[in-house]
Each structure stands twice: as structure tokens, then as C-alpha cells.
Amino acid sequence: MIDLRNAEKSSGNLHVPTFYVSDGSERLSARGGWPNAEIENVIKEYDPKLDVVFLFLRLDGDVFHYNASDEPAPPEAGEQSRPRKKK
């Protein structure tokens, strides 16, 4: 989630809160669930092995979603971004 509603600008820097929310998580429960039925359906239908869903909480109260698919797939991209252990 990219929370534009709670973005702050100070000393010339822009801070936009971002966080990971998974279906069935405590964080999702604390937020009261998915913002609407459309987003809930997008989450239920996407394949986390192939896609990433970005949710933008807009200033006007609306929610915009973007489903990104690319190479490498999300699990591989996550693995590649982790520091490698020296042998």
C-alpha cells in the first residue's frame, strides 16, 4: 500500500508511508479489511508468484490499484535483492 493520504513534506523532503499488507493478516484486520469489493477480488485473483499488486490510497478517499507483472517474478526478485552470505 502506498498511503498518499498520510504523506508529509518537511524540510523539502516528501515522506509517503508504504507498507506490505497480506490477505488475512493482522495489519489488514487493523485497517478494517480491504478498501472495497473490487480490491478484495483483485487480491483473491492475482498470482503472487507472478504479480505484485500496488494499492494507492488517494487524497480524495478513493483507492487505485495496479497489478504489475515482470521478470524476474516477485519471489525471484526478492531472493536476488537479499544480501548473499559469504562462504
PDB file of N, CA and C in Angstrom:
ATOM      1  N   MET A   1       0.842  -1.178   0.000  1.00  0.00           N
ATOM      2  CA  MET A   1       0.000   0.000   0.000  1.00  0.00           C
ATOM      3  C   MET A   1       0.880   1.231   0.000  1.00  0.00           C
ATOM      4  N   ILE A   2       0.488   2.191  -0.796  1.00  0.00           N
ATOM      5  CA  ILE A   2       1.142   3.480  -0.848  1.00  0.00           C
ATOM      6  C   ILE A   2       0.099   4.474  -0.332  1.00  0.00           C
ATOM      7  N   ASP A   3       0.347   5.024   0.843  1.00  0.00           N
ATOM      8  CA  ASP A   3      -0.640   5.836   1.550  1.00  0.00           C
ATOM      9  C   ASP A   3      -0.428   7.321   1.280  1.00  0.00           C
ATOM     10  N   LEU A   4      -0.974   7.798   0.163  1.00  0.00           N
ATOM     11  CA  LEU A   4      -0.849   9.209  -0.191  1.00  0.00           C
ATOM     12  C   LEU A   4      -1.625  10.101   0.767  1.00  0.00           C
ATOM     13  N   ARG A   5      -2.619   9.531   1.450  1.00  0.00           N
ATOM     14  CA  ARG A   5      -3.441  10.294   2.392  1.00  0.00           C
ATOM     15  C   ARG A   5      -2.630  10.802   3.577  1.00  0.00           C
ATOM     16  N   ASN A   6      -1.599  10.083   3.937  1.00  0.00           N
ATOM     17  CA  ASN A   6      -0.792  10.449   5.094  1.00  0.00           C
ATOM     18  C   ASN A   6       0.620  10.874   4.719  1.00  0.00           C
ATOM     19  N   ALA A   7       0.789  11.312   3.474  1.00  0.00           N
ATOM     20  CA  ALA A   7       2.095  11.808   3.038  1.00  0.00           C
ATOM     21  C   ALA A   7       2.397  13.125   3.757  1.00  0.00           C
ATOM     22  N   GLU A   8       3.667  13.358   4.031  1.00  0.00           N
ATOM     23  CA  GLU A   8       4.097  14.573   4.716  1.00  0.00           C
ATOM     24  C   GLU A   8       5.306  15.165   4.007  1.00  0.00           C
ATOM     25  N   LYS A   9       5.350  16.466   3.999  1.00  0.00           N
ATOM     26  CA  LYS A   9       6.503  17.157   3.435  1.00  0.00           C
ATOM     27  C   LYS A   9       7.129  17.985   4.545  1.00  0.00           C
ATOM     28  N   SER A  10       8.425  17.767   4.768  1.00  0.00           N
ATOM     29  CA  SER A  10       9.141  18.561   5.762  1.00  0.00           C
ATOM     30  C   SER A  10      10.570  18.760   5.287  1.00  0.00           C
ATOM     31  N   SER A  11      11.063  19.951   5.481  1.00  0.00           N
ATOM     32  CA  SER A  11      12.431  20.306   5.094  1.00  0.00           C
ATOM     33  C   SER A  11      12.742  19.944   3.645  1.00  0.00           C
ATOM     34  N   GLY A  12      11.753  20.109   2.783  1.00  0.00           N
ATOM     35  CA  GLY A  12      11.958  19.825   1.371  1.00  0.00           C
ATOM     36  C   GLY A  12      11.907  18.356   1.000  1.00  0.00           C
ATOM     37  N   ASN A  13      11.669  17.481   1.977  1.00  0.00           N
ATOM     38  CA  ASN A  13      11.581  16.043   1.707  1.00  0.00           C
ATOM     39  C   ASN A  13      10.134  15.586   1.771  1.00  0.00           C
ATOM     40  N   LEU A  14       9.785  14.674   0.915  1.00  0.00           N
ATOM     41  CA  LEU A  14       8.446  14.101   0.896  1.00  0.00           C
ATOM     42  C   LEU A  14       8.513  12.684   1.455  1.00  0.00           C
ATOM     43  N   HIS A  15       7.696  12.413   2.449  1.00  0.00           N
ATOM     44  CA  HIS A  15       7.622  11.073   3.053  1.00  0.00           C
ATOM     45  C   HIS A  15       6.230  10.504   2.767  1.00  0.00           C
ATOM     46  N   VAL A  16       6.192   9.388   2.031  1.00  0.00           N
ATOM     47  CA  VAL A  16       4.937   8.715   1.714  1.00  0.00           C
ATOM     48  C   VAL A  16       4.969   7.348   2.389  1.00  0.00           C
ATOM     49  N   PRO A  17       4.103   7.138   3.376  1.00  0.00           N
ATOM     50  CA  PRO A  17       4.090   5.837   4.053  1.00  0.00           C
ATOM     51  C   PRO A  17       3.753   4.705   3.085  1.00  0.00           C
ATOM     52  N   THR A  18       4.544   3.662   3.137  1.00  0.00           N
ATOM     53  CA  THR A  18       4.293   2.457   2.343  1.00  0.00           C
ATOM     54  C   THR A  18       4.415   1.260   3.267  1.00  0.00           C
ATOM     55  N   PHE A  19       3.611   0.255   3.012  1.00  0.00           N
ATOM     56  CA  PHE A  19       3.670  -0.945   3.834  1.00  0.00           C
ATOM     57  C   PHE A  19       3.063  -2.118   3.094  1.00  0.00           C
ATOM     58  N   TYR A  20       3.475  -3.308   3.504  1.00  0.00           N
ATOM     59  CA  TYR A  20       3.002  -4.557   2.929  1.00  0.00           C
ATOM     60  C   TYR A  20       1.804  -5.044   3.729  1.00  0.00           C
ATOM     61  N   VAL A  21       0.750  -5.428   3.037  1.00  0.00           N
ATOM     62  CA  VAL A  21      -0.442  -5.987   3.669  1.00  0.00           C
ATOM     63  C   VAL A  21      -0.783  -7.274   2.940  1.00  0.00           C
ATOM     64  N   SER A  22      -0.956  -8.353   3.679  1.00  0.00           N
ATOM     65  CA  SER A  22      -1.334  -9.615   3.055  1.00  0.00           C
ATOM     66  C   SER A  22      -2.749  -9.995   3.470  1.00  0.00           C
ATOM     67  N   ASP A  23      -3.386 -10.771   2.630  1.00  0.00           N
ATOM     68  CA  ASP A  23      -4.742 -11.229   2.896  1.00  0.00           C
ATOM     69  C   ASP A  23      -4.764 -12.047   4.175  1.00  0.00           C
ATOM     70  N   GLY A  24      -5.681 -11.735   5.072  1.00  0.00           N
ATOM     71  CA  GLY A  24      -5.808 -12.475   6.318  1.00  0.00           C
ATOM     72  C   GLY A  24      -4.845 -12.042   7.409  1.00  0.00           C
ATOM     73  N   SER A  25      -4.051 -10.997   7.166  1.00  0.00           N
ATOM     74  CA  SER A  25      -3.039 -10.565   8.135  1.00  0.00           C
ATOM     75  C   SER A  25      -3.644  -9.687   9.231  1.00  0.00           C
ATOM     76  N   GLU A  26      -2.903  -9.554  10.334  1.00  0.00           N
ATOM     77  CA  GLU A  26      -3.312  -8.662  11.420  1.00  0.00           C
ATOM     78  C   GLU A  26      -3.351  -7.214  10.935  1.00  0.00           C
ATOM     79  N   ARG A  27      -2.380  -6.832  10.108  1.00  0.00           N
ATOM     80  CA  ARG A  27      -2.335  -5.459   9.585  1.00  0.00           C
ATOM     81  C   ARG A  27      -3.601  -5.166   8.771  1.00  0.00           C
ATOM     82  N   LEU A  28      -4.046  -6.133   7.963  1.00  0.00           N
ATOM     83  CA  LEU A  28      -5.266  -5.944   7.186  1.00  0.00           C
ATOM     84  C   LEU A  28      -6.470  -5.833   8.115  1.00  0.00           C
ATOM     85  N   SER A  29      -6.524  -6.688   9.111  1.00  0.00           N
ATOM     86  CA  SER A  29      -7.619  -6.649  10.085  1.00  0.00           C
ATOM     87  C   SER A  29      -7.659  -5.302  10.799  1.00  0.00           C
ATOM     88  N   ALA A  30      -6.506  -4.785  11.189  1.00  0.00           N
ATOM     89  CA  ALA A  30      -6.436  -3.494  11.876  1.00  0.00           C
ATOM     90  C   ALA A  30      -6.924  -2.353  10.984  1.00  0.00           C
ATOM     91  N   ARG A  31      -6.791  -2.513   9.667  1.00  0.00           N
ATOM     92  CA  ARG A  31      -7.249  -1.496   8.715  1.00  0.00           C
ATOM     93  C   ARG A  31      -8.726  -1.670   8.385  1.00  0.00           C
ATOM     94  N   GLY A  32      -9.366  -2.711   8.924  1.00  0.00           N
ATOM     95  CA  GLY A  32     -10.782  -2.931   8.647  1.00  0.00           C
ATOM     96  C   GLY A  32     -11.038  -3.720   7.378  1.00  0.00           C
ATOM     97  N   GLY A  33     -10.012  -4.421   6.879  1.00  0.00           N
ATOM     98  CA  GLY A  33     -10.160  -5.222   5.658  1.00  0.00           C
ATOM     99  C   GLY A  33      -9.767  -4.430   4.422  1.00  0.00           C
ATOM    100  N   TRP A  34      -9.990  -5.045   3.268  1.00  0.00           N
ATOM    101  CA  TRP A  34      -9.668  -4.380   2.007  1.00  0.00           C
ATOM    102  C   TRP A  34     -10.599  -3.193   1.818  1.00  0.00           C
ATOM    103  N   PRO A  35     -10.151  -2.147   1.122  1.00  0.00           N
ATOM    104  CA  PRO A  35     -10.945  -0.921   0.995  1.00  0.00           C
ATOM    105  C   PRO A  35     -12.312  -1.100   0.334  1.00  0.00           C
ATOM    106  N   ASN A  36     -12.418  -2.052  -0.599  1.00  0.00           N
ATOM    107  CA  ASN A  36     -13.702  -2.272  -1.271  1.00  0.00           C
ATOM    108  C   ASN A  36     -13.709  -3.655  -1.912  1.00  0.00           C
ATOM    109  N   ALA A  37     -14.865  -4.044  -2.439  1.00  0.00           N
ATOM    110  CA  ALA A  37     -15.030  -5.379  -3.031  1.00  0.00           C
ATOM    111  C   ALA A  37     -14.152  -5.566  -4.266  1.00  0.00           C
ATOM    112  N   GLU A  38     -13.970  -4.510  -5.055  1.00  0.00           N
ATOM    113  CA  GLU A  38     -13.123  -4.616  -6.245  1.00  0.00           C
ATOM    114  C   GLU A  38     -11.695  -4.986  -5.861  1.00  0.00           C
ATOM    115  N   ILE A  39     -11.142  -4.299  -4.864  1.00  0.00           N
ATOM    116  CA  ILE A  39      -9.781  -4.593  -4.411  1.00  0.00           C
ATOM    117  C   ILE A  39      -9.711  -5.996  -3.830  1.00  0.00           C
ATOM    118  N   GLU A  40     -10.701  -6.382  -3.067  1.00  0.00           N
ATOM    119  CA  GLU A  40     -10.735  -7.728  -2.495  1.00  0.00           C
ATOM    120  C   GLU A  40     -10.693  -8.786  -3.596  1.00  0.00           C
ATOM    121  N   ASN A  41     -11.436  -8.576  -4.682  1.00  0.00           N
ATOM    122  CA  ASN A  41     -11.421  -9.517  -5.810  1.00  0.00           C
ATOM    123  C   ASN A  41     -10.073  -9.536  -6.513  1.00  0.00           C
ATOM    124  N   VAL A  42      -9.456  -8.370  -6.683  1.00  0.00           N
ATOM    125  CA  VAL A  42      -8.131  -8.304  -7.315  1.00  0.00           C
ATOM    126  C   VAL A  42      -7.138  -9.126  -6.498  1.00  0.00           C
ATOM    127  N   ILE A  43      -7.176  -8.979  -5.179  1.00  0.00           N
ATOM    128  CA  ILE A  43      -6.260  -9.704  -4.304  1.00  0.00           C
ATOM    129  C   ILE A  43      -6.503 -11.205  -4.385  1.00  0.00           C
ATOM    130  N   LYS A  44      -7.746 -11.607  -4.415  1.00  0.00           N
ATOM    131  CA  LYS A  44      -8.063 -13.041  -4.458  1.00  0.00           C
ATOM    132  C   LYS A  44      -7.687 -13.684  -5.793  1.00  0.00           C
ATOM    133  N   GLU A  45      -7.676 -12.888  -6.876  1.00  0.00           N
ATOM    134  CA  GLU A  45      -7.446 -13.443  -8.210  1.00  0.00           C
ATOM    135  C   GLU A  45      -6.002 -13.354  -8.708  1.00  0.00           C
ATOM    136  N   TYR A  46      -5.178 -12.515  -8.099  1.00  0.00           N
ATOM    137  CA  TYR A  46      -3.817 -12.377  -8.636  1.00  0.00           C
ATOM    138  C   TYR A  46      -2.947 -13.546  -8.169  1.00  0.00           C
ATOM    139  N   ASP A  47      -1.873 -13.795  -8.881  1.00  0.00           N
ATOM    140  CA  ASP A  47      -0.944 -14.879  -8.549  1.00  0.00           C
ATOM    141  C   ASP A  47       0.324 -14.270  -7.959  1.00  0.00           C
ATOM    142  N   PRO A  48       0.528 -14.393  -6.635  1.00  0.00           N
ATOM    143  CA  PRO A  48       1.690 -13.763  -6.006  1.00  0.00           C
ATOM    144  C   PRO A  48       3.035 -14.307  -6.485  1.00  0.00           C
ATOM    145  N   LYS A  49       3.008 -15.436  -7.186  1.00  0.00           N
ATOM    146  CA  LYS A  49       4.254 -15.962  -7.752  1.00  0.00           C
ATOM    147  C   LYS A  49       4.624 -15.243  -9.040  1.00  0.00           C
ATOM    148  N   LEU A  50       3.653 -14.537  -9.627  1.00  0.00           N
ATOM    149  CA  LEU A  50       3.889 -13.864 -10.902  1.00  0.00           C
ATOM    150  C   LEU A  50       3.663 -12.358 -10.861  1.00  0.00           C
ATOM    151  N   ASP A  51       2.856 -11.878  -9.910  1.00  0.00           N
ATOM    152  CA  ASP A  51       2.420 -10.486  -9.902  1.00  0.00           C
ATOM    153  C   ASP A  51       2.641  -9.820  -8.545  1.00  0.00           C
ATOM    154  N   VAL A  52       2.616  -8.502  -8.575  1.00  0.00           N
ATOM    155  CA  VAL A  52       2.593  -7.681  -7.378  1.00  0.00           C
ATOM    156  C   VAL A  52       1.440  -6.704  -7.552  1.00  0.00           C
ATOM    157  N   VAL A  53       0.640  -6.515  -6.515  1.00  0.00           N
ATOM    158  CA  VAL A  53      -0.459  -5.563  -6.572  1.00  0.00           C
ATOM    159  C   VAL A  53      -0.102  -4.371  -5.682  1.00  0.00           C
ATOM    160  N   PHE A  54      -0.128  -3.180  -6.275  1.00  0.00           N
ATOM    161  CA  PHE A  54       0.107  -1.942  -5.542  1.00  0.00           C
ATOM    162  C   PHE A  54      -1.242  -1.275  -5.316  1.00  0.00           C
ATOM    163  N   LEU A  55      -1.514  -0.882  -4.090  1.00  0.00           N
ATOM    164  CA  LEU A  55      -2.729  -0.139  -3.767  1.00  0.00           C
ATOM    165  C   LEU A  55      -2.336   1.274  -3.384  1.00  0.00           C
ATOM    166  N   PHE A  56      -2.941   2.253  -4.021  1.00  0.00           N
ATOM    167  CA  PHE A  56      -2.673   3.658  -3.742  1.00  0.00           C
ATOM    168  C   PHE A  56      -3.887   4.240  -3.028  1.00  0.00           C
ATOM    169  N   LEU A  57      -3.696   4.668  -1.787  1.00  0.00           N
ATOM    170  CA  LEU A  57      -4.745   5.320  -1.026  1.00  0.00           C
ATOM    171  C   LEU A  57      -4.673   6.800  -1.372  1.00  0.00           C
ATOM    172  N   ARG A  58      -5.624   7.266  -2.171  1.00  0.00           N
ATOM    173  CA  ARG A  58      -5.569   8.616  -2.731  1.00  0.00           C
ATOM    174  C   ARG A  58      -6.102   9.672  -1.776  1.00  0.00           C
ATOM    175  N   LEU A  59      -5.725  10.907  -2.015  1.00  0.00           N
ATOM    176  CA  LEU A  59      -6.139  12.032  -1.185  1.00  0.00           C
ATOM    177  C   LEU A  59      -7.657  12.228  -1.178  1.00  0.00           C
ATOM    178  N   ASP A  60      -8.306  11.919  -2.288  1.00  0.00           N
ATOM    179  CA  ASP A  60      -9.754  12.122  -2.372  1.00  0.00           C
ATOM    180  C   ASP A  60     -10.552  10.989  -1.726  1.00  0.00           C
ATOM    181  N   GLY A  61      -9.849  10.033  -1.075  1.00  0.00           N
ATOM    182  CA  GLY A  61     -10.526   8.929  -0.404  1.00  0.00           C
ATOM    183  C   GLY A  61     -10.678   7.691  -1.270  1.00  0.00           C
ATOM    184  N   ASP A  62     -10.445   7.816  -2.554  1.00  0.00           N
ATOM    185  CA  ASP A  62     -10.550   6.678  -3.464  1.00  0.00           C
ATOM    186  C   ASP A  62      -9.310   5.793  -3.345  1.00  0.00           C
ATOM    187  N   VAL A  63      -9.397   4.599  -3.895  1.00  0.00           N
ATOM    188  CA  VAL A  63      -8.273   3.661  -3.907  1.00  0.00           C
ATOM    189  C   VAL A  63      -8.030   3.249  -5.352  1.00  0.00           C
ATOM    190  N   PHE A  64      -6.789   3.339  -5.771  1.00  0.00           N
ATOM    191  CA  PHE A  64      -6.380   2.926  -7.111  1.00  0.00           C
ATOM    192  C   PHE A  64      -5.483   1.712  -6.964  1.00  0.00           C
ATOM    193  N   HIS A  65      -5.644   0.730  -7.840  1.00  0.00           N
ATOM    194  CA  HIS A  65      -4.752  -0.431  -7.775  1.00  0.00           C
ATOM    195  C   HIS A  65      -4.040  -0.622  -9.108  1.00  0.00           C
ATOM    196  N   TYR A  66      -2.861  -1.215  -9.007  1.00  0.00           N
ATOM    197  CA  TYR A  66      -2.052  -1.505 -10.174  1.00  0.00           C
ATOM    198  C   TYR A  66      -1.453  -2.887  -9.984  1.00  0.00           C
ATOM    199  N   ASN A  67      -1.688  -3.773 -10.940  1.00  0.00           N
ATOM    200  CA  ASN A  67      -1.150  -5.128 -10.905  1.00  0.00           C
ATOM    201  C   ASN A  67       0.061  -5.164 -11.826  1.00  0.00           C
ATOM    202  N   ALA A  68       1.243  -5.396 -11.258  1.00  0.00           N
ATOM    203  CA  ALA A  68       2.484  -5.393 -12.030  1.00  0.00           C
ATOM    204  C   ALA A  68       2.990  -6.814 -12.214  1.00  0.00           C
ATOM    205  N   SER A  69       3.314  -7.143 -13.444  1.00  0.00           N
ATOM    206  CA  SER A  69       3.925  -8.432 -13.789  1.00  0.00           C
ATOM    207  C   SER A  69       5.197  -8.131 -14.563  1.00  0.00           C
ATOM    208  N   ASP A  70       6.278  -8.773 -14.173  1.00  0.00           N
ATOM    209  CA  ASP A  70       7.533  -8.509 -14.857  1.00  0.00           C
ATOM    210  C   ASP A  70       8.498  -9.645 -14.567  1.00  0.00           C
ATOM    211  N   GLU A  71       9.633  -9.590 -15.188  1.00  0.00           N
ATOM    212  CA  GLU A  71      10.702 -10.546 -14.933  1.00  0.00           C
ATOM    213  C   GLU A  71      11.806  -9.837 -14.185  1.00  0.00           C
ATOM    214  N   PRO A  72      12.385 -10.393 -13.191  1.00  0.00           N
ATOM    215  CA  PRO A  72      12.046 -11.692 -12.611  1.00  0.00           C
ATOM    216  C   PRO A  72      10.757 -11.605 -11.801  1.00  0.00           C
ATOM    217  N   ALA A  73      10.123 -12.757 -11.597  1.00  0.00           N
ATOM    218  CA  ALA A  73       8.894 -12.843 -10.819  1.00  0.00           C
ATOM    219  C   ALA A  73       9.169 -12.408  -9.381  1.00  0.00           C
ATOM    220  N   PRO A  74       8.140 -11.959  -8.642  1.00  0.00           N
ATOM    221  CA  PRO A  74       8.344 -11.442  -7.281  1.00  0.00           C
ATOM    222  C   PRO A  74       9.186 -12.311  -6.352  1.00  0.00           C
ATOM    223  N   PRO A  75       8.966 -13.625  -6.260  1.00  0.00           N
ATOM    224  CA  PRO A  75       9.818 -14.402  -5.341  1.00  0.00           C
ATOM    225  C   PRO A  75      11.294 -14.375  -5.742  1.00  0.00           C
ATOM    226  N   GLU A  76      11.553 -14.441  -7.045  1.00  0.00           N
ATOM    227  CA  GLU A  76      12.940 -14.411  -7.519  1.00  0.00           C
ATOM    228  C   GLU A  76      13.551 -13.027  -7.311  1.00  0.00           C
ATOM    229  N   ALA A  77      12.773 -11.981  -7.536  1.00  0.00           N
ATOM    230  CA  ALA A  77      13.275 -10.622  -7.323  1.00  0.00           C
ATOM    231  C   ALA A  77      13.618 -10.414  -5.855  1.00  0.00           C
ATOM    232  N   GLY A  78      12.770 -10.914  -4.961  1.00  0.00           N
ATOM    233  CA  GLY A  78      13.046 -10.804  -3.534  1.00  0.00           C
ATOM    234  C   GLY A  78      14.312 -11.538  -3.150  1.00  0.00           C
ATOM    235  N   GLU A  79      14.489 -12.714  -3.702  1.00  0.00           N
ATOM    236  CA  GLU A  79      15.689 -13.507  -3.410  1.00  0.00           C
ATOM    237  C   GLU A  79      16.932 -12.798  -3.933  1.00  0.00           C
ATOM    238  N   GLN A  80      16.851 -12.219  -5.115  1.00  0.00           N
ATOM    239  CA  GLN A  80      18.000 -11.525  -5.700  1.00  0.00           C
ATOM    240  C   GLN A  80      18.364 -10.262  -4.930  1.00  0.00           C
ATOM    241  N   SER A  81      17.380  -9.650  -4.251  1.00  0.00           N
ATOM    242  CA  SER A  81      17.657  -8.410  -3.537  1.00  0.00           C
ATOM    243  C   SER A  81      18.234  -8.636  -2.138  1.00  0.00           C
ATOM    244  N   ARG A  82      18.180  -9.872  -1.655  1.00  0.00           N
ATOM    245  CA  ARG A  82      18.739 -10.172  -0.328  1.00  0.00           C
ATOM    246  C   ARG A  82      20.255 -10.248  -0.409  1.00  0.00           C
ATOM    247  N   PRO A  83      20.932  -9.734   0.624  1.00  0.00           N
ATOM    248  CA  PRO A  83      22.401  -9.864   0.643  1.00  0.00           C
ATOM    249  C   PRO A  83      22.817 -11.323   0.649  1.00  0.00           C
ATOM    250  N   ARG A  84      23.799 -11.635  -0.126  1.00  0.00           N
ATOM    251  CA  ARG A  84      24.286 -13.008  -0.192  1.00  0.00           C
ATOM    252  C   ARG A  84      25.252 -13.279   0.954  1.00  0.00           C
ATOM    253  N   LYS A  85      25.159 -14.468   1.516  1.00  0.00           N
ATOM    254  CA  LYS A  85      26.069 -14.881   2.593  1.00  0.00           C
ATOM    255  C   LYS A  85      27.396 -15.278   1.991  1.00  0.00           C
ATOM    256  N   LYS A  86      28.458 -14.845   2.611  1.00  0.00           N
ATOM    257  CA  LYS A  86      29.794 -15.227   2.145  1.00  0.00           C
ATOM    258  C   LYS A  86      30.096 -16.619   2.622  1.00  0.00           C
ATOM    259  N   LYS A  87      30.727 -17.391   1.759  1.00  0.00           N
ATOM    260  CA  LYS A  87      31.088 -18.779   2.116  1.00  0.00           C
ATOM    261  C   LYS A  87      32.478 -18.858   2.646  1.00  0.00           C
TER     262      LYS A  87
END
